Amino acid sequence: MGSRGSFLESGGFSTPARWQTVGYVNGIKVLKPKNPEASLSLPERSNTPGTAYVSYNKDGSFKQFIIFGNDRLPVYRIDYGIHRGKKSLHIHFMKGNKNKSPKILKPHHILYKKHKDLFKGV
């Protein structure tokens, strides 16, 4: 795990102890911040290539999922929250996306089907 945008001189990302693993869903680490006042947003960088993390709201409902490529940078992030004035499940593609606008994730989408076990309370 890494913090937002901080780098080590060795070229890696720093790993301050801001997050803790509280469980696993289908082999994916469930993270929550160590500081209960901190934002539930997941890290934007990872020290582990090809890893993924998921977070849940305090009521146990799905909040966010992020997956990283071999370069340890995010490939895509799925959020459940307000988008275009409506609460929805939506995806942000990070690589190769020129407009960076999230897209609504619908049940027929391949990534919805792939990750549907994570979407508790959606």
PDB file of N, CA and C in Angstrom:
ATOM      1  N   MET A   1       0.849  -1.176   0.000  1.00  0.00           N
ATOM      2  CA  MET A   1       0.000   0.000   0.000  1.00  0.00           C
ATOM      3  C   MET A   1       0.887   1.229   0.000  1.00  0.00           C
ATOM      4  N   GLY A   2       0.392   2.300  -0.476  1.00  0.00           N
ATOM      5  CA  GLY A   2       1.145   3.533  -0.463  1.00  0.00           C
ATOM      6  C   GLY A   2       0.256   4.693  -0.126  1.00  0.00           C
ATOM      7  N   SER A   3       0.904   5.813   0.122  1.00  0.00           N
ATOM      8  CA  SER A   3       0.118   7.013   0.394  1.00  0.00           C
ATOM      9  C   SER A   3      -0.098   7.758  -0.906  1.00  0.00           C
ATOM     10  N   ARG A   4      -0.860   8.785  -0.875  1.00  0.00           N
ATOM     11  CA  ARG A   4      -1.201   9.526  -2.083  1.00  0.00           C
ATOM     12  C   ARG A   4      -0.009  10.324  -2.595  1.00  0.00           C
ATOM     13  N   GLY A   5       0.619   9.814  -3.648  1.00  0.00           N
ATOM     14  CA  GLY A   5       1.615  10.571  -4.367  1.00  0.00           C
ATOM     15  C   GLY A   5       2.967  10.721  -3.713  1.00  0.00           C
ATOM     16  N   SER A   6       3.287  10.004  -2.661  1.00  0.00           N
ATOM     17  CA  SER A   6       4.609  10.161  -2.069  1.00  0.00           C
ATOM     18  C   SER A   6       5.521   9.045  -2.559  1.00  0.00           C
ATOM     19  N   PHE A   7       6.749   9.411  -2.891  1.00  0.00           N
ATOM     20  CA  PHE A   7       7.687   8.472  -3.492  1.00  0.00           C
ATOM     21  C   PHE A   7       8.912   8.280  -2.614  1.00  0.00           C
ATOM     22  N   LEU A   8       9.497   7.099  -2.682  1.00  0.00           N
ATOM     23  CA  LEU A   8      10.774   6.840  -2.044  1.00  0.00           C
ATOM     24  C   LEU A   8      11.869   7.221  -3.017  1.00  0.00           C
ATOM     25  N   GLU A   9      13.043   7.544  -2.490  1.00  0.00           N
ATOM     26  CA  GLU A   9      14.153   7.878  -3.368  1.00  0.00           C
ATOM     27  C   GLU A   9      14.518   6.710  -4.264  1.00  0.00           C
ATOM     28  N   SER A  10      14.237   5.483  -3.809  1.00  0.00           N
ATOM     29  CA  SER A  10      14.566   4.294  -4.595  1.00  0.00           C
ATOM     30  C   SER A  10      13.658   4.135  -5.812  1.00  0.00           C
ATOM     31  N   GLY A  11      12.652   5.002  -5.935  1.00  0.00           N
ATOM     32  CA  GLY A  11      11.736   4.907  -7.069  1.00  0.00           C
ATOM     33  C   GLY A  11      10.429   4.230  -6.726  1.00  0.00           C
ATOM     34  N   GLY A  12      10.310   3.699  -5.508  1.00  0.00           N
ATOM     35  CA  GLY A  12       9.069   3.069  -5.069  1.00  0.00           C
ATOM     36  C   GLY A  12       8.169   4.097  -4.417  1.00  0.00           C
ATOM     37  N   PHE A  13       7.092   3.645  -3.870  1.00  0.00           N
ATOM     38  CA  PHE A  13       6.159   4.513  -3.161  1.00  0.00           C
ATOM     39  C   PHE A  13       6.348   4.300  -1.669  1.00  0.00           C
ATOM     40  N   SER A  14       6.161   5.335  -0.888  1.00  0.00           N
ATOM     41  CA  SER A  14       6.286   5.187   0.560  1.00  0.00           C
ATOM     42  C   SER A  14       5.071   4.448   1.099  1.00  0.00           C
ATOM     43  N   THR A  15       5.214   3.878   2.265  1.00  0.00           N
ATOM     44  CA  THR A  15       4.124   3.097   2.832  1.00  0.00           C
ATOM     45  C   THR A  15       3.873   3.488   4.288  1.00  0.00           C
ATOM     46  N   PRO A  16       3.435   4.697   4.545  1.00  0.00           N
ATOM     47  CA  PRO A  16       3.118   5.043   5.924  1.00  0.00           C
ATOM     48  C   PRO A  16       1.947   4.186   6.397  1.00  0.00           C
ATOM     49  N   ALA A  17       1.916   3.940   7.668  1.00  0.00           N
ATOM     50  CA  ALA A  17       0.904   3.037   8.234  1.00  0.00           C
ATOM     51  C   ALA A  17      -0.433   3.744   8.398  1.00  0.00           C
ATOM     52  N   ARG A  18      -1.036   4.202   7.291  1.00  0.00           N
ATOM     53  CA  ARG A  18      -2.320   4.898   7.327  1.00  0.00           C
ATOM     54  C   ARG A  18      -3.490   3.930   7.222  1.00  0.00           C
ATOM     55  N   TRP A  19      -3.246   2.726   6.742  1.00  0.00           N
ATOM     56  CA  TRP A  19      -4.305   1.761   6.467  1.00  0.00           C
ATOM     57  C   TRP A  19      -4.074   0.481   7.239  1.00  0.00           C
ATOM     58  N   GLN A  20      -5.152  -0.226   7.489  1.00  0.00           N
ATOM     59  CA  GLN A  20      -5.031  -1.553   8.086  1.00  0.00           C
ATOM     60  C   GLN A  20      -5.940  -2.523   7.338  1.00  0.00           C
ATOM     61  N   THR A  21      -5.481  -3.748   7.230  1.00  0.00           N
ATOM     62  CA  THR A  21      -6.278  -4.801   6.611  1.00  0.00           C
ATOM     63  C   THR A  21      -7.234  -5.343   7.664  1.00  0.00           C
ATOM     64  N   VAL A  22      -8.522  -5.351   7.344  1.00  0.00           N
ATOM     65  CA  VAL A  22      -9.526  -5.831   8.304  1.00  0.00           C
ATOM     66  C   VAL A  22     -10.217  -7.100   7.821  1.00  0.00           C
ATOM     67  N   GLY A  23      -9.800  -7.610   6.678  1.00  0.00           N
ATOM     68  CA  GLY A  23     -10.391  -8.833   6.155  1.00  0.00           C
ATOM     69  C   GLY A  23     -10.050  -9.023   4.694  1.00  0.00           C
ATOM     70  N   TYR A  24     -10.662 -10.043   4.110  1.00  0.00           N
ATOM     71  CA  TYR A  24     -10.470 -10.361   2.694  1.00  0.00           C
ATOM     72  C   TYR A  24     -11.816 -10.750   2.098  1.00  0.00           C
ATOM     73  N   VAL A  25     -12.033 -10.360   0.849  1.00  0.00           N
ATOM     74  CA  VAL A  25     -13.189 -10.810   0.073  1.00  0.00           C
ATOM     75  C   VAL A  25     -12.630 -11.350  -1.235  1.00  0.00           C
ATOM     76  N   ASN A  26     -12.824 -12.623  -1.492  1.00  0.00           N
ATOM     77  CA  ASN A  26     -12.292 -13.271  -2.702  1.00  0.00           C
ATOM     78  C   ASN A  26     -10.798 -13.010  -2.877  1.00  0.00           C
ATOM     79  N   GLY A  27     -10.043 -13.007  -1.778  1.00  0.00           N
ATOM     80  CA  GLY A  27      -8.596 -12.791  -1.831  1.00  0.00           C
ATOM     81  C   GLY A  27      -8.170 -11.337  -1.926  1.00  0.00           C
ATOM     82  N   ILE A  28      -9.125 -10.409  -1.959  1.00  0.00           N
ATOM     83  CA  ILE A  28      -8.827  -8.978  -2.046  1.00  0.00           C
ATOM     84  C   ILE A  28      -8.824  -8.390  -0.637  1.00  0.00           C
ATOM     85  N   LYS A  29      -7.780  -7.622  -0.312  1.00  0.00           N
ATOM     86  CA  LYS A  29      -7.686  -7.020   1.012  1.00  0.00           C
ATOM     87  C   LYS A  29      -8.770  -5.970   1.216  1.00  0.00           C
ATOM     88  N   VAL A  30      -9.458  -6.076   2.342  1.00  0.00           N
ATOM     89  CA  VAL A  30     -10.413  -5.062   2.763  1.00  0.00           C
ATOM     90  C   VAL A  30      -9.639  -4.111   3.679  1.00  0.00           C
ATOM     91  N   LEU A  31      -9.583  -2.835   3.283  1.00  0.00           N
ATOM     92  CA  LEU A  31      -8.826  -1.847   4.046  1.00  0.00           C
ATOM     93  C   LEU A  31      -9.742  -0.858   4.737  1.00  0.00           C
ATOM     94  N   LYS A  32      -9.248  -0.346   5.850  1.00  0.00           N
ATOM     95  CA  LYS A  32      -9.888   0.799   6.489  1.00  0.00           C
ATOM     96  C   LYS A  32      -8.775   1.652   7.073  1.00  0.00           C
ATOM     97  N   PRO A  33      -9.008   2.970   7.173  1.00  0.00           N
ATOM     98  CA  PRO A  33      -7.962   3.834   7.721  1.00  0.00           C
ATOM     99  C   PRO A  33      -7.754   3.548   9.208  1.00  0.00           C
ATOM    100  N   LYS A  34      -6.507   3.661   9.651  1.00  0.00           N
ATOM    101  CA  LYS A  34      -6.212   3.493  11.075  1.00  0.00           C
ATOM    102  C   LYS A  34      -6.826   4.627  11.887  1.00  0.00           C
ATOM    103  N   ASN A  35      -6.857   5.817  11.294  1.00  0.00           N
ATOM    104  CA  ASN A  35      -7.464   6.972  11.951  1.00  0.00           C
ATOM    105  C   ASN A  35      -8.952   6.973  11.624  1.00  0.00           C
ATOM    106  N   PRO A  36      -9.823   6.814  12.627  1.00  0.00           N
ATOM    107  CA  PRO A  36     -11.262   6.750  12.347  1.00  0.00           C
ATOM    108  C   PRO A  36     -11.835   8.045  11.764  1.00  0.00           C
ATOM    109  N   GLU A  37     -11.114   9.144  11.861  1.00  0.00           N
ATOM    110  CA  GLU A  37     -11.573  10.424  11.303  1.00  0.00           C
ATOM    111  C   GLU A  37     -11.158  10.597   9.841  1.00  0.00           C
ATOM    112  N   ALA A  38     -10.302   9.720   9.337  1.00  0.00           N
ATOM    113  CA  ALA A  38      -9.778   9.845   7.968  1.00  0.00           C
ATOM    114  C   ALA A  38     -10.827   9.447   6.933  1.00  0.00           C
ATOM    115  N   SER A  39     -10.625   9.917   5.722  1.00  0.00           N
ATOM    116  CA  SER A  39     -11.480   9.575   4.589  1.00  0.00           C
ATOM    117  C   SER A  39     -11.410   8.077   4.307  1.00  0.00           C
ATOM    118  N   LEU A  40     -12.505   7.507   3.813  1.00  0.00           N
ATOM    119  CA  LEU A  40     -12.536   6.090   3.461  1.00  0.00           C
ATOM    120  C   LEU A  40     -11.962   5.815   2.072  1.00  0.00           C
ATOM    121  N   SER A  41     -11.528   6.851   1.366  1.00  0.00           N
ATOM    122  CA  SER A  41     -10.959   6.647   0.033  1.00  0.00           C
ATOM    123  C   SER A  41      -9.718   5.769   0.107  1.00  0.00           C
ATOM    124  N   LEU A  42      -9.596   4.868  -0.841  1.00  0.00           N
ATOM    125  CA  LEU A  42      -8.471   3.939  -0.865  1.00  0.00           C
ATOM    126  C   LEU A  42      -7.200   4.615  -1.363  1.00  0.00           C
ATOM    127  N   PRO A  43      -6.037   4.007  -1.089  1.00  0.00           N
ATOM    128  CA  PRO A  43      -4.772   4.561  -1.581  1.00  0.00           C
ATOM    129  C   PRO A  43      -4.761   4.669  -3.101  1.00  0.00           C
ATOM    130  N   GLU A  44      -4.054   5.652  -3.604  1.00  0.00           N
ATOM    131  CA  GLU A  44      -3.963   5.854  -5.048  1.00  0.00           C
ATOM    132  C   GLU A  44      -2.705   5.245  -5.646  1.00  0.00           C
ATOM    133  N   ARG A  45      -1.878   4.644  -4.811  1.00  0.00           N
ATOM    134  CA  ARG A  45      -0.654   3.972  -5.245  1.00  0.00           C
ATOM    135  C   ARG A  45      -0.503   2.700  -4.427  1.00  0.00           C
ATOM    136  N   SER A  46       0.291   1.760  -4.955  1.00  0.00           N
ATOM    137  CA  SER A  46       0.539   0.510  -4.245  1.00  0.00           C
ATOM    138  C   SER A  46       1.989   0.102  -4.405  1.00  0.00           C
ATOM    139  N   ASN A  47       2.564  -0.457  -3.365  1.00  0.00           N
ATOM    140  CA  ASN A  47       3.915  -1.005  -3.468  1.00  0.00           C
ATOM    141  C   ASN A  47       3.915  -2.387  -4.107  1.00  0.00           C
ATOM    142  N   THR A  48       2.763  -3.025  -4.149  1.00  0.00           N
ATOM    143  CA  THR A  48       2.661  -4.383  -4.669  1.00  0.00           C
ATOM    144  C   THR A  48       2.061  -4.352  -6.077  1.00  0.00           C
ATOM    145  N   PRO A  49       2.838  -4.733  -7.091  1.00  0.00           N
ATOM    146  CA  PRO A  49       2.300  -4.754  -8.458  1.00  0.00           C
ATOM    147  C   PRO A  49       1.114  -5.705  -8.587  1.00  0.00           C
ATOM    148  N   GLY A  50       0.110  -5.296  -9.350  1.00  0.00           N
ATOM    149  CA  GLY A  50      -1.029  -6.154  -9.661  1.00  0.00           C
ATOM    150  C   GLY A  50      -1.961  -6.460  -8.504  1.00  0.00           C
ATOM    151  N   THR A  51      -1.979  -5.630  -7.480  1.00  0.00           N
ATOM    152  CA  THR A  51      -2.835  -5.875  -6.326  1.00  0.00           C
ATOM    153  C   THR A  51      -4.142  -5.099  -6.427  1.00  0.00           C
ATOM    154  N   ALA A  52      -5.052  -5.360  -5.501  1.00  0.00           N
ATOM    155  CA  ALA A  52      -6.333  -4.661  -5.463  1.00  0.00           C
ATOM    156  C   ALA A  52      -6.759  -4.505  -4.008  1.00  0.00           C
ATOM    157  N   TYR A  53      -7.561  -3.475  -3.739  1.00  0.00           N
ATOM    158  CA  TYR A  53      -8.085  -3.213  -2.403  1.00  0.00           C
ATOM    159  C   TYR A  53      -9.556  -2.836  -2.508  1.00  0.00           C
ATOM    160  N   VAL A  54     -10.294  -3.101  -1.431  1.00  0.00           N
ATOM    161  CA  VAL A  54     -11.702  -2.732  -1.366  1.00  0.00           C
ATOM    162  C   VAL A  54     -11.962  -2.088  -0.006  1.00  0.00           C
ATOM    163  N   SER A  55     -12.922  -1.164   0.036  1.00  0.00           N
ATOM    164  CA  SER A  55     -13.328  -0.564   1.315  1.00  0.00           C
ATOM    165  C   SER A  55     -14.848  -0.555   1.399  1.00  0.00           C
ATOM    166  N   TYR A  56     -15.320  -0.574   2.657  1.00  0.00           N
ATOM    167  CA  TYR A  56     -16.750  -0.578   2.936  1.00  0.00           C
ATOM    168  C   TYR A  56     -17.078   0.547   3.905  1.00  0.00           C
ATOM    169  N   ASN A  57     -18.283   1.068   3.782  1.00  0.00           N
ATOM    170  CA  ASN A  57     -18.764   2.081   4.726  1.00  0.00           C
ATOM    171  C   ASN A  57     -18.929   1.443   6.104  1.00  0.00           C
ATOM    172  N   LYS A  58     -19.111   2.283   7.097  1.00  0.00           N
ATOM    173  CA  LYS A  58     -19.265   1.783   8.473  1.00  0.00           C
ATOM    174  C   LYS A  58     -20.457   0.845   8.621  1.00  0.00           C
ATOM    175  N   ASP A  59     -21.486   1.013   7.770  1.00  0.00           N
ATOM    176  CA  ASP A  59     -22.656   0.125   7.837  1.00  0.00           C
ATOM    177  C   ASP A  59     -22.444  -1.191   7.074  1.00  0.00           C
ATOM    178  N   GLY A  60     -21.247  -1.385   6.510  1.00  0.00           N
ATOM    179  CA  GLY A  60     -20.917  -2.613   5.791  1.00  0.00           C
ATOM    180  C   GLY A  60     -21.197  -2.582   4.310  1.00  0.00           C
ATOM    181  N   SER A  61     -21.787  -1.487   3.812  1.00  0.00           N
ATOM    182  CA  SER A  61     -22.085  -1.393   2.377  1.00  0.00           C
ATOM    183  C   SER A  61     -20.823  -1.016   1.591  1.00  0.00           C
ATOM    184  N   PHE A  62     -20.808  -1.412   0.329  1.00  0.00           N
ATOM    185  CA  PHE A  62     -19.668  -1.159  -0.557  1.00  0.00           C
ATOM    186  C   PHE A  62     -19.387   0.332  -0.701  1.00  0.00           C
ATOM    187  N   LYS A  63     -18.115   0.706  -0.651  1.00  0.00           N
ATOM    188  CA  LYS A  63     -17.674   2.092  -0.839  1.00  0.00           C
ATOM    189  C   LYS A  63     -16.827   2.230  -2.096  1.00  0.00           C
ATOM    190  N   GLN A  64     -15.736   1.422  -2.179  1.00  0.00           N
ATOM    191  CA  GLN A  64     -14.771   1.636  -3.252  1.00  0.00           C
ATOM    192  C   GLN A  64     -13.919   0.384  -3.472  1.00  0.00           C
ATOM    193  N   PHE A  65     -13.502   0.179  -4.721  1.00  0.00           N
ATOM    194  CA  PHE A  65     -12.594  -0.893  -5.107  1.00  0.00           C
ATOM    195  C   PHE A  65     -11.583  -0.299  -6.066  1.00  0.00           C
ATOM    196  N   ILE A  66     -10.316  -0.663  -5.901  1.00  0.00           N
ATOM    197  CA  ILE A  66      -9.290  -0.182  -6.821  1.00  0.00           C
ATOM    198  C   ILE A  66      -8.353  -1.327  -7.171  1.00  0.00           C
ATOM    199  N   ILE A  67      -7.940  -1.357  -8.434  1.00  0.00           N
ATOM    200  CA  ILE A  67      -7.011  -2.388  -8.901  1.00  0.00           C
ATOM    201  C   ILE A  67      -5.806  -1.702  -9.539  1.00  0.00           C
ATOM    202  N   PHE A  68      -4.619  -2.255  -9.269  1.00  0.00           N
ATOM    203  CA  PHE A  68      -3.367  -1.675  -9.745  1.00  0.00           C
ATOM    204  C   PHE A  68      -2.711  -2.580 -10.773  1.00  0.00           C
ATOM    205  N   GLY A  69      -1.997  -1.967 -11.711  1.00  0.00           N
ATOM    206  CA  GLY A  69      -1.255  -2.704 -12.722  1.00  0.00           C
ATOM    207  C   GLY A  69       0.122  -3.097 -12.214  1.00  0.00           C
ATOM    208  N   ASN A  70       0.895  -3.705 -13.084  1.00  0.00           N
ATOM    209  CA  ASN A  70       2.248  -4.119 -12.720  1.00  0.00           C
ATOM    210  C   ASN A  70       3.175  -2.946 -12.431  1.00  0.00           C
ATOM    211  N   ASP A  71       2.794  -1.752 -12.888  1.00  0.00           N
ATOM    212  CA  ASP A  71       3.585  -0.551 -12.599  1.00  0.00           C
ATOM    213  C   ASP A  71       3.190   0.084 -11.267  1.00  0.00           C
ATOM    214  N   ARG A  72       2.275  -0.565 -10.525  1.00  0.00           N
ATOM    215  CA  ARG A  72       1.787  -0.144  -9.206  1.00  0.00           C
ATOM    216  C   ARG A  72       0.905   1.100  -9.258  1.00  0.00           C
ATOM    217  N   LEU A  73       0.483   1.492 -10.443  1.00  0.00           N
ATOM    218  CA  LEU A  73      -0.429   2.618 -10.626  1.00  0.00           C
ATOM    219  C   LEU A  73      -1.834   2.075 -10.884  1.00  0.00           C
ATOM    220  N   PRO A  74      -2.874   2.843 -10.540  1.00  0.00           N
ATOM    221  CA  PRO A  74      -4.240   2.331 -10.695  1.00  0.00           C
ATOM    222  C   PRO A  74      -4.644   2.118 -12.149  1.00  0.00           C
ATOM    223  N   VAL A  75      -5.355   1.022 -12.382  1.00  0.00           N
ATOM    224  CA  VAL A  75      -5.912   0.713 -13.699  1.00  0.00           C
ATOM    225  C   VAL A  75      -7.345   1.237 -13.752  1.00  0.00           C
ATOM    226  N   TYR A  76      -8.136   0.885 -12.735  1.00  0.00           N
ATOM    227  CA  TYR A  76      -9.492   1.430 -12.611  1.00  0.00           C
ATOM    228  C   TYR A  76      -9.929   1.395 -11.148  1.00  0.00           C
ATOM    229  N   ARG A  77     -10.922   2.233 -10.865  1.00  0.00           N
ATOM    230  CA  ARG A  77     -11.509   2.317  -9.525  1.00  0.00           C
ATOM    231  C   ARG A  77     -13.025   2.303  -9.682  1.00  0.00           C
ATOM    232  N   ILE A  78     -13.693   1.506  -8.863  1.00  0.00           N
ATOM    233  CA  ILE A  78     -15.150   1.449  -8.859  1.00  0.00           C
ATOM    234  C   ILE A  78     -15.637   2.074  -7.560  1.00  0.00           C
ATOM    235  N   ASP A  79     -16.549   3.024  -7.674  1.00  0.00           N
ATOM    236  CA  ASP A  79     -17.100   3.726  -6.518  1.00  0.00           C
ATOM    237  C   ASP A  79     -18.608   3.551  -6.479  1.00  0.00           C
ATOM    238  N   TYR A  80     -19.161   3.612  -5.269  1.00  0.00           N
ATOM    239  CA  TYR A  80     -20.607   3.687  -5.107  1.00  0.00           C
ATOM    240  C   TYR A  80     -20.887   4.987  -4.381  1.00  0.00           C
ATOM    241  N   GLY A  81     -21.467   5.928  -5.101  1.00  0.00           N
ATOM    242  CA  GLY A  81     -21.741   7.242  -4.531  1.00  0.00           C
ATOM    243  C   GLY A  81     -22.440   8.129  -5.542  1.00  0.00           C
ATOM    244  N   ILE A  82     -22.499   9.398  -5.234  1.00  0.00           N
ATOM    245  CA  ILE A  82     -23.197  10.366  -6.090  1.00  0.00           C
ATOM    246  C   ILE A  82     -22.381  10.625  -7.354  1.00  0.00           C
ATOM    247  N   HIS A  83     -23.024  10.431  -8.489  1.00  0.00           N
ATOM    248  CA  HIS A  83     -22.431  10.706  -9.802  1.00  0.00           C
ATOM    249  C   HIS A  83     -23.552  11.190 -10.705  1.00  0.00           C
ATOM    250  N   ARG A  84     -23.346  12.332 -11.321  1.00  0.00           N
ATOM    251  CA  ARG A  84     -24.364  12.957 -12.174  1.00  0.00           C
ATOM    252  C   ARG A  84     -25.678  13.148 -11.420  1.00  0.00           C
ATOM    253  N   GLY A  85     -25.563  13.541 -10.142  1.00  0.00           N
ATOM    254  CA  GLY A  85     -26.727  13.858  -9.330  1.00  0.00           C
ATOM    255  C   GLY A  85     -27.495  12.673  -8.788  1.00  0.00           C
ATOM    256  N   LYS A  86     -26.982  11.464  -8.995  1.00  0.00           N
ATOM    257  CA  LYS A  86     -27.703  10.262  -8.591  1.00  0.00           C
ATOM    258  C   LYS A  86     -26.712   9.267  -7.974  1.00  0.00           C
ATOM    259  N   LYS A  87     -27.138   8.592  -6.913  1.00  0.00           N
ATOM    260  CA  LYS A  87     -26.281   7.579  -6.312  1.00  0.00           C
ATOM    261  C   LYS A  87     -26.197   6.390  -7.258  1.00  0.00           C
ATOM    262  N   SER A  88     -24.970   6.022  -7.606  1.00  0.00           N
ATOM    263  CA  SER A  88     -24.789   4.942  -8.571  1.00  0.00           C
ATOM    264  C   SER A  88     -23.446   4.254  -8.361  1.00  0.00           C
ATOM    265  N   LEU A  89     -23.354   3.080  -8.932  1.00  0.00           N
ATOM    266  CA  LEU A  89     -22.097   2.361  -9.028  1.00  0.00           C
ATOM    267  C   LEU A  89     -21.441   2.850 -10.307  1.00  0.00           C
ATOM    268  N   HIS A  90     -20.234   3.392 -10.211  1.00  0.00           N
ATOM    269  CA  HIS A  90     -19.578   3.902 -11.404  1.00  0.00           C
ATOM    270  C   HIS A  90     -18.090   3.587 -11.378  1.00  0.00           C
ATOM    271  N   ILE A  91     -17.500   3.601 -12.568  1.00  0.00           N
ATOM    272  CA  ILE A  91     -16.111   3.198 -12.730  1.00  0.00           C
ATOM    273  C   ILE A  91     -15.295   4.329 -13.347  1.00  0.00           C
ATOM    274  N   HIS A  92     -14.098   4.494 -12.794  1.00  0.00           N
ATOM    275  CA  HIS A  92     -13.122   5.465 -13.313  1.00  0.00           C
ATOM    276  C   HIS A  92     -11.988   4.655 -13.932  1.00  0.00           C
ATOM    277  N   PHE A  93     -11.825   4.736 -15.249  1.00  0.00           N
ATOM    278  CA  PHE A  93     -10.692   4.091 -15.904  1.00  0.00           C
ATOM    279  C   PHE A  93      -9.521   5.059 -15.843  1.00  0.00           C
ATOM    280  N   MET A  94      -8.398   4.621 -15.310  1.00  0.00           N
ATOM    281  CA  MET A  94      -7.259   5.508 -15.092  1.00  0.00           C
ATOM    282  C   MET A  94      -6.284   5.518 -16.261  1.00  0.00           C
ATOM    283  N   LYS A  95      -6.087   4.385 -16.908  1.00  0.00           N
ATOM    284  CA  LYS A  95      -5.082   4.289 -17.972  1.00  0.00           C
ATOM    285  C   LYS A  95      -5.745   4.416 -19.333  1.00  0.00           C
ATOM    286  N   GLY A  96      -5.206   5.254 -20.167  1.00  0.00           N
ATOM    287  CA  GLY A  96      -5.693   5.382 -21.523  1.00  0.00           C
ATOM    288  C   GLY A  96      -7.026   6.089 -21.655  1.00  0.00           C
ATOM    289  N   ASN A  97      -7.511   6.680 -20.583  1.00  0.00           N
ATOM    290  CA  ASN A  97      -8.790   7.381 -20.620  1.00  0.00           C
ATOM    291  C   ASN A  97      -8.517   8.878 -20.723  1.00  0.00           C
ATOM    292  N   LYS A  98      -8.742   9.444 -21.874  1.00  0.00           N
ATOM    293  CA  LYS A  98      -8.425  10.849 -22.088  1.00  0.00           C
ATOM    294  C   LYS A  98      -9.404  11.794 -21.402  1.00  0.00           C
ATOM    295  N   ASN A  99     -10.683  11.434 -21.299  1.00  0.00           N
ATOM    296  CA  ASN A  99     -11.635  12.372 -20.698  1.00  0.00           C
ATOM    297  C   ASN A  99     -11.785  12.175 -19.188  1.00  0.00           C
ATOM    298  N   LYS A 100     -11.308  11.076 -18.635  1.00  0.00           N
ATOM    299  CA  LYS A 100     -11.312  10.804 -17.196  1.00  0.00           C
ATOM    300  C   LYS A 100     -12.702  10.851 -16.562  1.00  0.00           C
ATOM    301  N   SER A 101     -13.740  10.863 -17.362  1.00  0.00           N
ATOM    302  CA  SER A 101     -15.094  10.903 -16.835  1.00  0.00           C
ATOM    303  C   SER A 101     -15.538   9.499 -16.440  1.00  0.00           C
ATOM    304  N   PRO A 102     -16.077   9.319 -15.229  1.00  0.00           N
ATOM    305  CA  PRO A 102     -16.536   7.989 -14.837  1.00  0.00           C
ATOM    306  C   PRO A 102     -17.755   7.553 -15.643  1.00  0.00           C
ATOM    307  N   LYS A 103     -17.921   6.249 -15.724  1.00  0.00           N
ATOM    308  CA  LYS A 103     -19.049   5.676 -16.454  1.00  0.00           C
ATOM    309  C   LYS A 103     -19.887   4.854 -15.471  1.00  0.00           C
ATOM    310  N   ILE A 104     -21.217   4.906 -15.637  1.00  0.00           N
ATOM    311  CA  ILE A 104     -22.113   4.108 -14.809  1.00  0.00           C
ATOM    312  C   ILE A 104     -21.819   2.631 -15.080  1.00  0.00           C
ATOM    313  N   LEU A 105     -21.701   1.848 -14.015  1.00  0.00           N
ATOM    314  CA  LEU A 105     -21.418   0.423 -14.147  1.00  0.00           C
ATOM    315  C   LEU A 105     -22.729  -0.342 -13.993  1.00  0.00           C
ATOM    316  N   LYS A 106     -23.151  -0.979 -15.065  1.00  0.00           N
ATOM    317  CA  LYS A 106     -24.437  -1.683 -15.099  1.00  0.00           C
ATOM    318  C   LYS A 106     -24.220  -3.192 -14.961  1.00  0.00           C
ATOM    319  N   PRO A 107     -25.246  -3.919 -14.477  1.00  0.00           N
ATOM    320  CA  PRO A 107     -25.101  -5.362 -14.222  1.00  0.00           C
ATOM    321  C   PRO A 107     -24.638  -6.200 -15.413  1.00  0.00           C
ATOM    322  N   HIS A 108     -24.873  -5.771 -16.641  1.00  0.00           N
ATOM    323  CA  HIS A 108     -24.439  -6.565 -17.794  1.00  0.00           C
ATOM    324  C   HIS A 108     -22.963  -6.338 -18.145  1.00  0.00           C
ATOM    325  N   HIS A 109     -22.314  -5.325 -17.557  1.00  0.00           N
ATOM    326  CA  HIS A 109     -20.906  -5.012 -17.856  1.00  0.00           C
ATOM    327  C   HIS A 109     -20.004  -6.124 -17.324  1.00  0.00           C
ATOM    328  N   ILE A 110     -18.989  -6.480 -18.068  1.00  0.00           N
ATOM    329  CA  ILE A 110     -18.076  -7.559 -17.690  1.00  0.00           C
ATOM    330  C   ILE A 110     -17.403  -7.298 -16.337  1.00  0.00           C
ATOM    331  N   LEU A 111     -17.054  -6.038 -16.035  1.00  0.00           N
ATOM    332  CA  LEU A 111     -16.411  -5.740 -14.752  1.00  0.00           C
ATOM    333  C   LEU A 111     -17.396  -5.797 -13.591  1.00  0.00           C
ATOM    334  N   TYR A 112     -18.660  -5.513 -13.863  1.00  0.00           N
ATOM    335  CA  TYR A 112     -19.685  -5.691 -12.829  1.00  0.00           C
ATOM    336  C   TYR A 112     -19.769  -7.174 -12.475  1.00  0.00           C
ATOM    337  N   LYS A 113     -19.863  -8.006 -13.492  1.00  0.00           N
ATOM    338  CA  LYS A 113     -19.963  -9.444 -13.273  1.00  0.00           C
ATOM    339  C   LYS A 113     -18.728  -9.989 -12.557  1.00  0.00           C
ATOM    340  N   LYS A 114     -17.562  -9.488 -12.925  1.00  0.00           N
ATOM    341  CA  LYS A 114     -16.307  -9.947 -12.339  1.00  0.00           C
ATOM    342  C   LYS A 114     -16.211  -9.611 -10.850  1.00  0.00           C
ATOM    343  N   HIS A 115     -16.692  -8.435 -10.453  1.00  0.00           N
ATOM    344  CA  HIS A 115     -16.508  -7.954  -9.086  1.00  0.00           C
ATOM    345  C   HIS A 115     -17.797  -7.904  -8.258  1.00  0.00           C
ATOM    346  N   LYS A 116     -18.879  -8.473  -8.745  1.00  0.00           N
ATOM    347  CA  LYS A 116     -20.184  -8.320  -8.088  1.00  0.00           C
ATOM    348  C   LYS A 116     -20.197  -8.800  -6.643  1.00  0.00           C
ATOM    349  N   ASP A 117     -19.342  -9.742  -6.275  1.00  0.00           N
ATOM    350  CA  ASP A 117     -19.304 -10.215  -4.893  1.00  0.00           C
ATOM    351  C   ASP A 117     -18.836  -9.128  -3.913  1.00  0.00           C
ATOM    352  N   LEU A 118     -18.192  -8.101  -4.436  1.00  0.00           N
ATOM    353  CA  LEU A 118     -17.710  -6.997  -3.588  1.00  0.00           C
ATOM    354  C   LEU A 118     -18.808  -5.987  -3.283  1.00  0.00           C
ATOM    355  N   PHE A 119     -19.844  -5.930  -4.102  1.00  0.00           N
ATOM    356  CA  PHE A 119     -20.823  -4.832  -4.064  1.00  0.00           C
ATOM    357  C   PHE A 119     -21.916  -5.060  -3.028  1.00  0.00           C
ATOM    358  N   LYS A 120     -21.557  -5.241  -1.786  1.00  0.00           N
ATOM    359  CA  LYS A 120     -22.522  -5.454  -0.709  1.00  0.00           C
ATOM    360  C   LYS A 120     -23.356  -4.182  -0.497  1.00  0.00           C
ATOM    361  N   GLY A 121     -24.651  -4.333  -0.446  1.00  0.00           N
ATOM    362  CA  GLY A 121     -25.530  -3.214  -0.163  1.00  0.00           C
ATOM    363  C   GLY A 121     -25.773  -2.275  -1.327  1.00  0.00           C
ATOM    364  N   VAL A 122     -25.346  -2.667  -2.530  1.00  0.00           N
ATOM    365  CA  VAL A 122     -25.544  -1.807  -3.715  1.00  0.00           C
ATOM    366  C   VAL A 122     -26.858  -2.170  -4.366  1.00  0.00           C
TER     367      VAL A 122
END
